[in-house]
Amino acid sequence: MKRKYLFPVMPLKNSMSGGQEAVKLAKYYSDNGADGILIFDLSERDEEHEAHILLLKEICRAAEIPVYAGGHIRRTEDVKKILYAGCDKAILNFGRESNVEMAEEVSKRFGSEKIAFSLSDESQLSRTLEEWGSLLLWADSDGRCPYQGTLPVVSLSAASSDDAVIDVLSNKWVTGIAAAYFSTATADFMDLKGKAAARGLRMNLLESSFAWSDLKPGRDGLIPVVVQDYKTSEVLMLAYMNEEAFDATLQTGKMTYWSRSRNELWTKGMTSGHFQYVKALMIDCDNDTILARVSQVGTACHTGNRTCFYREMVRKEYHDANPLKVFENVYQTILDRKLHPKEGSYTNYLFDKGIDKILKKVGEEATELVIAAKNSDPEEIKYELSDFLYHAMVLMAERGVTWEDITRELANR
């Protein structure tokens, strides 16, 4: 049985006053069990469309699930902007002739895996859909879909209750459903998925390859859980789980523990709002310790510190050469110079001179790197590549591009 998915819908309307609310809503969907987000740009003017592209970029940064966007696609350049904003797919409306005409071109240019189609009429179906795209959105008005091809189909549905959503998902032709019904800031996607699973549907739920009976808790029935930030690998805290907490964590997607001091179940963040959303659970070689990789909201420690391990006991000087940390630390230093200029700073000199000077330096350093590579001296290459990366990071800071943007783009390729 194929897995079924839930996609909330986010229309971007003419008014941009709710831009940050849209970002918060996308983050809520991502954290609380939605499988992807469908965004439709309803702007009428190009100026509004450009503002929505910038908003799309913020939404994609906030969401840790796929984002598919369409609407106001007039030309190939619009598809490029949507994908460059960080969206996983651009949605072509096959009710618009210009979108049909550009389908083959954008598919070849950006890859068919980056293209989805929105259809509302049987006459819009084409034998080339499989060749040009990777997803079909069908405006479902009567519970059926005439499409008989191999693309996954998401129903754009008017379902307005849990039972109605599950009924739509029960159709064999449906891979997922997008509905305004659960496109709210209070939607409980995990609960809805649980209900659908109880009806025999295979949903995108957290499933452990180890049952609790496979684990080796202590005499008190508890297993220690080391909690780690999934992006940085920073250790955040240590807590304990019993079987009830383990089951609740899988059901809700939020880290749930057993409080030894209060002798009760507790979901991290239920009081503070600093939830921990599960990204992965790992078991050690003895089956008696869990490593939880999480997306941490706010701080992990009740003291207000990011991590519970904020007090140093012993230190031996060492050179921290973790590539991710080094890149991020240098980038943050550059960004700090941009926000808080420092007299005599070369970085501030570049920012003061503007984008043309920054681009000139990037070009010069790229050329020097090429020359160094031709000379094949590893030390010279190392030096010139470091210069190039520094100036590239100045460019990133100037244009608002982060390392997270870059790593996400690389991961998507």
Protein backbone atom coordinates (compact mmCIF):
# COMPACT_ATOMS: atom_id res chain seq x y z
CA MET A 1 0.00 0.00 0.00
CA LYS A 2 1.38 3.39 -0.98
CA ARG A 3 1.91 6.05 1.65
CA LYS A 4 -0.56 8.95 1.86
CA TYR A 5 0.33 12.59 2.57
CA LEU A 6 -1.24 15.79 3.94
CA PHE A 7 -0.53 19.16 2.28
CA PRO A 8 -1.87 22.38 3.81
CA VAL A 9 -2.53 25.18 1.31
CA MET A 10 -1.17 28.70 1.75
CA PRO A 11 -2.53 31.41 -0.58
CA LEU A 12 -0.36 34.53 -0.79
CA LYS A 13 -2.75 37.40 -1.33
CA ASN A 14 -2.33 41.02 -2.36
CA SER A 15 -1.71 42.36 1.13
CA MET A 16 1.77 41.63 2.46
CA SER A 17 0.94 42.75 6.01
CA GLY A 18 0.69 39.12 7.05
CA GLY A 19 4.05 38.10 5.61
CA GLN A 20 5.65 37.10 8.88
CA GLU A 21 2.47 35.33 9.90
CA ALA A 22 2.80 33.23 6.75
CA VAL A 23 6.36 32.33 7.77
CA LYS A 24 5.20 31.35 11.27
CA LEU A 25 2.38 29.30 9.79
CA ALA A 26 4.80 27.45 7.50
CA LYS A 27 7.02 26.70 10.50
CA TYR A 28 3.97 25.42 12.41
CA TYR A 29 3.03 23.10 9.55
CA SER A 30 6.60 21.84 9.31
CA ASP A 31 6.91 21.17 13.04
CA ASN A 32 3.51 19.62 13.56
CA GLY A 33 3.36 16.83 11.02
CA ALA A 34 2.38 18.26 7.62
CA ASP A 35 4.15 16.44 4.79
CA GLY A 36 4.58 19.43 2.48
CA ILE A 37 3.11 22.87 1.79
CA LEU A 38 1.33 24.06 -1.35
CA ILE A 39 1.65 27.80 -1.93
CA PHE A 40 -0.34 29.73 -4.52
CA ASP A 41 0.66 33.30 -5.37
CA LEU A 42 -2.60 35.19 -5.97
CA SER A 43 -0.95 38.53 -6.77
CA GLU A 44 -2.12 40.41 -9.83
CA ARG A 45 0.74 42.85 -10.30
CA ASP A 46 4.43 42.10 -10.88
CA GLU A 47 5.41 44.24 -7.88
CA GLU A 48 3.31 42.06 -5.59
CA HIS A 49 4.70 38.96 -7.23
CA GLU A 50 8.28 40.09 -6.54
CA ALA A 51 7.37 40.71 -2.89
CA HIS A 52 5.87 37.23 -2.70
CA ILE A 53 9.07 35.71 -4.11
CA LEU A 54 10.99 37.28 -1.22
CA LEU A 55 8.37 35.92 1.18
CA LEU A 56 8.71 32.48 -0.43
CA LYS A 57 12.40 32.56 0.37
CA GLU A 58 11.64 33.18 4.06
CA ILE A 59 9.00 30.45 4.08
CA CYS A 60 11.38 27.92 2.57
CA ARG A 61 13.98 28.81 5.19
CA ALA A 62 11.47 28.30 7.99
CA ALA A 63 9.92 25.08 6.69
CA GLU A 64 11.76 21.78 7.04
CA ILE A 65 9.37 20.01 4.69
CA PRO A 66 8.94 20.30 0.90
CA VAL A 67 7.40 23.54 -0.40
CA TYR A 68 5.66 23.58 -3.79
CA ALA A 69 4.62 26.95 -5.24
CA GLY A 70 2.60 28.15 -8.20
CA GLY A 71 0.40 31.01 -9.31
CA HIS A 72 1.44 34.16 -11.20
CA ILE A 73 3.69 32.12 -13.47
CA ARG A 74 3.81 34.08 -16.71
CA ARG A 75 7.22 33.18 -18.08
CA THR A 76 10.15 30.82 -17.60
CA GLU A 77 11.83 33.39 -15.38
CA ASP A 78 8.97 33.03 -12.85
CA VAL A 79 9.65 29.31 -12.53
CA LYS A 80 13.33 30.09 -12.01
CA LYS A 81 12.52 32.59 -9.24
CA ILE A 82 10.27 30.08 -7.44
CA LEU A 83 12.92 27.37 -7.51
CA TYR A 84 15.74 29.75 -6.60
CA ALA A 85 13.68 30.91 -3.62
CA GLY A 86 14.10 27.37 -2.26
CA CYS A 87 10.90 25.66 -3.36
CA ASP A 88 11.14 21.96 -4.16
CA LYS A 89 8.74 22.22 -7.11
CA ALA A 90 7.14 24.91 -9.25
CA ILE A 91 3.47 24.30 -10.05
CA LEU A 92 2.30 25.00 -13.61
CA ASN A 93 -1.40 25.72 -14.03
CA PHE A 94 -2.55 23.74 -17.07
CA GLY A 95 -5.69 25.84 -17.19
CA ARG A 96 -3.41 28.63 -18.45
CA GLU A 97 -2.24 28.10 -22.03
CA SER A 98 1.05 29.91 -21.47
CA ASN A 99 1.91 27.43 -18.69
CA VAL A 100 1.22 24.51 -21.01
CA GLU A 101 3.42 26.06 -23.70
CA MET A 102 6.39 26.50 -21.34
CA ALA A 103 6.11 23.06 -19.68
CA GLU A 104 8.59 21.26 -21.90
CA GLU A 105 11.09 24.11 -21.77
CA VAL A 106 11.14 24.48 -17.97
CA SER A 107 11.22 20.71 -17.55
CA LYS A 108 14.36 20.44 -19.66
CA ARG A 109 15.96 23.48 -18.07
CA PHE A 110 15.31 22.73 -14.40
CA GLY A 111 14.55 19.00 -14.44
CA SER A 112 11.19 17.25 -14.51
CA GLU A 113 11.55 16.45 -10.78
CA LYS A 114 11.21 20.20 -10.13
CA ILE A 115 7.91 20.59 -12.00
CA ALA A 116 4.33 19.86 -10.88
CA PHE A 117 1.07 20.41 -12.72
CA SER A 118 -2.29 21.72 -11.51
CA LEU A 119 -5.28 20.47 -13.55
CA SER A 120 -9.02 20.87 -13.20
CA ASP A 121 -10.35 19.42 -16.44
CA GLU A 122 -9.94 16.11 -18.24
CA SER A 123 -9.16 17.94 -21.47
CA GLN A 124 -5.93 19.23 -19.85
CA LEU A 125 -4.50 15.74 -19.49
CA SER A 126 -1.57 14.93 -21.75
CA ARG A 127 0.57 11.89 -22.46
CA THR A 128 3.64 14.07 -21.92
CA LEU A 129 2.92 14.78 -18.25
CA GLU A 130 5.22 11.97 -17.09
CA GLU A 131 8.01 13.30 -19.25
CA TRP A 132 7.68 16.92 -18.14
CA GLY A 133 6.90 16.73 -14.43
CA SER A 134 6.83 14.67 -11.25
CA LEU A 135 3.53 15.52 -9.51
CA LEU A 136 -0.07 16.13 -10.51
CA LEU A 137 -2.48 18.31 -8.50
CA TRP A 138 -6.06 17.47 -9.39
CA ALA A 139 -8.98 19.77 -8.52
CA ASP A 140 -11.22 17.09 -7.07
CA SER A 141 -14.89 18.02 -7.24
CA ASP A 142 -16.59 14.63 -7.41
CA GLY A 143 -14.20 12.17 -5.78
CA ARG A 144 -12.78 10.81 -9.00
CA CYS A 145 -9.76 11.47 -11.20
CA PRO A 146 -9.61 10.48 -14.87
CA TYR A 147 -5.81 10.44 -14.89
CA GLN A 148 -4.50 6.93 -15.48
CA GLY A 149 -0.77 7.61 -15.61
CA THR A 150 2.04 6.97 -13.17
CA LEU A 151 2.53 10.39 -11.54
CA PRO A 152 1.59 10.74 -7.86
CA VAL A 153 -1.67 12.67 -7.58
CA VAL A 154 -2.60 15.17 -4.86
CA SER A 155 -6.29 15.94 -4.54
CA LEU A 156 -7.13 19.64 -4.21
CA SER A 157 -10.17 18.94 -2.10
CA ALA A 158 -13.05 20.77 -0.41
CA ALA A 159 -13.18 18.11 2.33
CA SER A 160 -14.21 19.78 5.58
CA SER A 161 -13.94 17.12 8.28
CA ASP A 162 -11.51 14.44 9.39
CA ASP A 163 -13.79 11.74 8.01
CA ALA A 164 -14.13 13.51 4.66
CA VAL A 165 -10.32 13.87 4.41
CA ILE A 166 -9.86 10.19 5.18
CA ASP A 167 -12.52 9.27 2.61
CA VAL A 168 -10.58 11.18 -0.06
CA LEU A 169 -7.31 9.53 0.97
CA SER A 170 -9.00 6.15 0.70
CA ASN A 171 -9.29 6.56 -3.07
CA LYS A 172 -6.66 4.46 -4.84
CA TRP A 173 -5.71 7.29 -7.19
CA VAL A 174 -4.86 9.66 -4.32
CA THR A 175 -1.30 9.99 -3.06
CA GLY A 176 -2.08 13.05 -0.94
CA ILE A 177 -4.69 15.65 -0.15
CA ALA A 178 -4.51 19.44 0.02
CA ALA A 179 -7.43 21.11 1.74
CA ALA A 180 -8.27 24.43 3.38
CA TYR A 181 -9.85 22.38 6.19
CA PHE A 182 -6.51 21.61 7.83
CA SER A 183 -4.68 24.72 6.58
CA THR A 184 -4.88 26.44 9.97
CA ALA A 185 -2.56 27.33 12.83
CA THR A 186 -4.30 24.80 15.08
CA ALA A 187 -4.41 21.76 12.79
CA ASP A 188 -3.35 18.52 14.45
CA PHE A 189 -1.78 16.64 11.54
CA MET A 190 -0.42 13.83 13.68
CA ASP A 191 -3.86 13.16 15.18
CA LEU A 192 -5.46 13.17 11.72
CA LYS A 193 -2.79 10.79 10.46
CA GLY A 194 -3.43 8.53 13.44
CA LYS A 195 -7.15 8.40 12.61
CA ALA A 196 -6.38 7.62 8.97
CA ALA A 197 -3.95 4.88 10.00
CA ALA A 198 -6.67 3.39 12.23
CA ARG A 199 -8.82 3.16 9.07
CA GLY A 200 -6.11 1.07 7.41
CA LEU A 201 -4.29 3.79 5.47
CA ARG A 202 -0.52 3.97 5.40
CA MET A 203 0.40 7.47 6.59
CA ASN A 204 3.69 9.28 6.95
CA LEU A 205 4.02 8.63 10.67
CA LEU A 206 7.02 8.03 12.90
CA GLU A 207 7.67 4.30 12.87
CA SER A 208 10.38 2.73 14.99
CA SER A 209 12.32 -0.25 13.68
CA PHE A 210 12.84 -1.21 17.34
CA ALA A 211 9.91 -2.04 19.61
CA TRP A 212 10.11 -1.02 23.26
CA SER A 213 10.47 -4.71 24.09
CA ASP A 214 13.73 -4.71 22.09
CA LEU A 215 15.22 -2.09 24.39
CA LYS A 216 16.91 -2.58 27.76
CA PRO A 217 15.60 -0.06 30.30
CA GLY A 218 17.00 0.05 33.82
CA ARG A 219 15.33 -1.42 36.88
CA ASP A 220 13.20 1.71 37.11
CA GLY A 221 11.83 1.05 33.59
CA LEU A 222 13.60 4.12 32.18
CA ILE A 223 16.04 4.60 29.33
CA PRO A 224 18.33 7.68 29.18
CA VAL A 225 17.87 9.89 26.13
CA VAL A 226 20.71 12.11 24.89
CA VAL A 227 19.17 15.00 22.96
CA GLN A 228 21.09 16.59 20.10
CA ASP A 229 20.38 19.47 17.70
CA TYR A 230 19.93 17.80 14.30
CA LYS A 231 21.59 20.65 12.39
CA THR A 232 24.62 21.40 14.53
CA SER A 233 25.03 18.09 16.44
CA GLU A 234 25.21 20.16 19.65
CA VAL A 235 24.22 18.12 22.72
CA LEU A 236 21.25 19.89 24.31
CA MET A 237 20.17 17.85 27.31
CA LEU A 238 19.73 14.45 28.93
CA ALA A 239 16.31 13.09 29.89
CA TYR A 240 14.56 9.74 30.43
CA MET A 241 11.81 7.78 28.72
CA ASN A 242 9.57 4.96 29.80
CA GLU A 243 7.42 2.99 27.37
CA GLU A 244 4.54 5.47 27.64
CA ALA A 245 6.83 8.39 26.83
CA PHE A 246 8.37 6.46 23.92
CA ASP A 247 4.94 5.73 22.44
CA ALA A 248 3.78 9.34 22.93
CA THR A 249 6.90 10.64 21.16
CA LEU A 250 6.18 8.47 18.12
CA GLN A 251 2.51 9.42 18.08
CA THR A 252 2.95 13.19 18.38
CA GLY A 253 6.37 13.79 16.84
CA LYS A 254 7.28 15.85 19.93
CA MET A 255 9.88 14.66 22.43
CA THR A 256 8.07 13.32 25.47
CA TYR A 257 9.81 12.12 28.63
CA TRP A 258 9.17 10.68 32.07
CA SER A 259 9.86 13.16 34.85
CA ARG A 260 11.63 11.36 37.71
CA SER A 261 11.15 14.31 40.07
CA ARG A 262 7.41 14.75 39.37
CA ASN A 263 6.77 11.11 38.60
CA GLU A 264 4.72 11.96 35.52
CA LEU A 265 4.80 12.14 31.74
CA TRP A 266 5.89 15.48 30.25
CA THR A 267 6.17 16.82 26.73
CA LYS A 268 9.15 19.13 26.43
CA GLY A 269 7.93 22.68 25.71
CA MET A 270 4.30 22.17 26.73
CA THR A 271 4.68 24.97 29.29
CA SER A 272 7.52 27.05 27.81
CA GLY A 273 6.73 26.61 24.12
CA HIS A 274 10.27 25.29 23.60
CA PHE A 275 9.21 22.09 21.89
CA GLN A 276 11.61 19.51 20.52
CA TYR A 277 10.42 18.07 17.20
CA VAL A 278 11.73 14.62 16.33
CA LYS A 279 14.04 14.30 13.35
CA ALA A 280 15.56 10.92 14.23
CA LEU A 281 15.83 8.47 17.11
CA MET A 282 18.96 6.28 17.32
CA ILE A 283 19.67 3.36 19.63
CA ASP A 284 23.15 2.52 20.92
CA CYS A 285 24.93 -0.82 20.53
CA ASP A 286 23.66 -2.13 23.89
CA ASN A 287 20.04 -1.06 23.28
CA ASP A 288 20.01 0.85 26.56
CA THR A 289 20.48 4.50 25.47
CA ILE A 290 18.60 6.58 22.90
CA LEU A 291 20.09 9.43 20.89
CA ALA A 292 17.39 11.88 19.79
CA ARG A 293 18.17 14.29 16.96
CA VAL A 294 15.67 17.14 17.21
CA SER A 295 14.62 20.51 15.88
CA GLN A 296 14.77 22.65 19.02
CA VAL A 297 12.46 25.63 19.45
CA GLY A 298 14.03 28.24 21.70
CA THR A 299 16.25 26.91 24.45
CA ALA A 300 16.63 23.39 25.79
CA CYS A 301 17.63 24.33 29.34
CA HIS A 302 15.24 25.64 32.01
CA THR A 303 17.90 28.26 32.87
CA GLY A 304 17.36 29.91 29.51
CA ASN A 305 20.59 28.63 28.04
CA ARG A 306 20.56 26.98 24.63
CA THR A 307 21.95 23.75 26.07
CA CYS A 308 22.01 22.29 29.55
CA PHE A 309 25.76 21.77 29.10
CA TYR A 310 26.77 25.43 29.28
CA ARG A 311 29.22 25.28 32.22
CA GLU A 312 32.78 24.33 31.48
CA MET A 313 34.62 22.12 33.98
CA VAL A 314 37.91 21.33 32.22
CA ARG A 315 39.41 22.57 28.98
CA LYS A 316 42.52 21.64 27.06
CA GLU A 317 43.24 24.01 24.23
CA TYR A 318 42.52 22.52 20.82
CA HIS A 319 41.92 23.71 17.30
CA ASP A 320 38.26 23.34 16.36
CA ALA A 321 38.35 22.59 12.64
CA ASN A 322 34.79 21.34 12.24
CA PRO A 323 34.07 22.63 8.69
CA LEU A 324 30.42 23.47 9.35
CA LYS A 325 31.26 25.41 12.51
CA VAL A 326 34.15 27.25 10.90
CA PHE A 327 32.09 28.33 7.89
CA GLU A 328 29.18 29.44 10.07
CA ASN A 329 31.42 31.24 12.57
CA VAL A 330 33.24 33.17 9.85
CA TYR A 331 29.92 34.00 8.15
CA GLN A 332 28.45 35.25 11.43
CA THR A 333 31.53 37.43 12.02
CA ILE A 334 31.11 38.93 8.54
CA LEU A 335 27.40 39.48 9.18
CA ASP A 336 28.20 41.14 12.50
CA ARG A 337 30.57 43.54 10.71
CA LYS A 338 27.75 44.42 8.32
CA LEU A 339 25.34 45.11 11.19
CA HIS A 340 27.90 46.64 13.57
CA PRO A 341 30.66 48.34 11.52
CA LYS A 342 34.16 48.37 13.01
CA GLU A 343 36.68 51.07 12.12
CA GLY A 344 39.59 49.76 10.10
CA SER A 345 37.80 46.51 9.18
CA TYR A 346 38.55 45.23 5.66
CA THR A 347 35.14 43.58 5.67
CA ASN A 348 33.46 46.93 6.35
CA TYR A 349 35.59 48.49 3.61
CA LEU A 350 34.05 46.01 1.15
CA PHE A 351 30.52 46.65 2.39
CA ASP A 352 31.07 50.42 2.22
CA LYS A 353 32.32 50.20 -1.38
CA GLY A 354 29.24 48.21 -2.38
CA ILE A 355 28.30 45.27 -4.53
CA ASP A 356 30.50 46.17 -7.53
CA LYS A 357 33.65 46.15 -5.39
CA ILE A 358 32.61 42.87 -3.73
CA LEU A 359 32.00 41.25 -7.12
CA LYS A 360 35.31 42.54 -8.42
CA LYS A 361 37.14 40.94 -5.49
CA VAL A 362 35.25 37.65 -5.93
CA GLY A 363 36.29 37.61 -9.58
CA GLU A 364 39.92 38.42 -8.76
CA GLU A 365 40.11 35.72 -6.10
CA ALA A 366 38.52 33.18 -8.45
CA THR A 367 41.17 33.97 -11.06
CA GLU A 368 43.98 33.65 -8.50
CA LEU A 369 42.53 30.30 -7.44
CA VAL A 370 42.57 29.07 -11.05
CA ILE A 371 46.21 30.14 -11.42
CA ALA A 372 47.13 28.44 -8.14
CA ALA A 373 45.42 25.23 -9.27
CA LYS A 374 47.40 25.27 -12.54
CA ASN A 375 50.61 25.45 -10.50
CA SER A 376 49.38 22.39 -8.52
CA ASP A 377 50.89 23.53 -5.21
CA PRO A 378 48.44 22.35 -2.49
CA GLU A 379 49.57 25.09 -0.08
CA GLU A 380 48.95 27.82 -2.67
CA ILE A 381 45.56 26.32 -3.55
CA LYS A 382 44.64 26.22 0.15
CA TYR A 383 45.55 29.87 0.61
CA GLU A 384 43.77 31.15 -2.51
CA LEU A 385 40.68 29.01 -1.93
CA SER A 386 40.39 30.43 1.59
CA ASP A 387 40.56 33.96 0.17
CA PHE A 388 37.90 33.10 -2.40
CA LEU A 389 35.56 31.57 0.19
CA TYR A 390 35.92 34.59 2.47
CA HIS A 391 34.99 37.01 -0.31
CA ALA A 392 32.17 34.68 -1.39
CA MET A 393 30.81 34.86 2.17
CA VAL A 394 30.96 38.68 2.06
CA LEU A 395 28.85 38.44 -1.11
CA MET A 396 26.46 36.04 0.64
CA ALA A 397 26.03 38.46 3.55
CA GLU A 398 25.53 41.39 1.19
CA ARG A 399 22.79 39.56 -0.72
CA GLY A 400 21.16 37.81 2.27
CA VAL A 401 22.20 34.24 1.40
CA THR A 402 23.06 31.93 4.32
CA TRP A 403 25.04 28.72 4.57
CA GLU A 404 21.77 26.98 5.34
CA ASP A 405 20.44 28.18 1.97
CA ILE A 406 23.53 26.79 0.27
CA THR A 407 23.56 23.44 2.05
CA ARG A 408 19.84 22.95 1.42
CA GLU A 409 20.32 23.67 -2.27
CA LEU A 410 23.21 21.20 -2.45
CA ALA A 411 21.20 18.59 -0.59
CA ASN A 412 18.33 19.00 -3.06
CA ARG A 413 20.57 18.27 -6.05
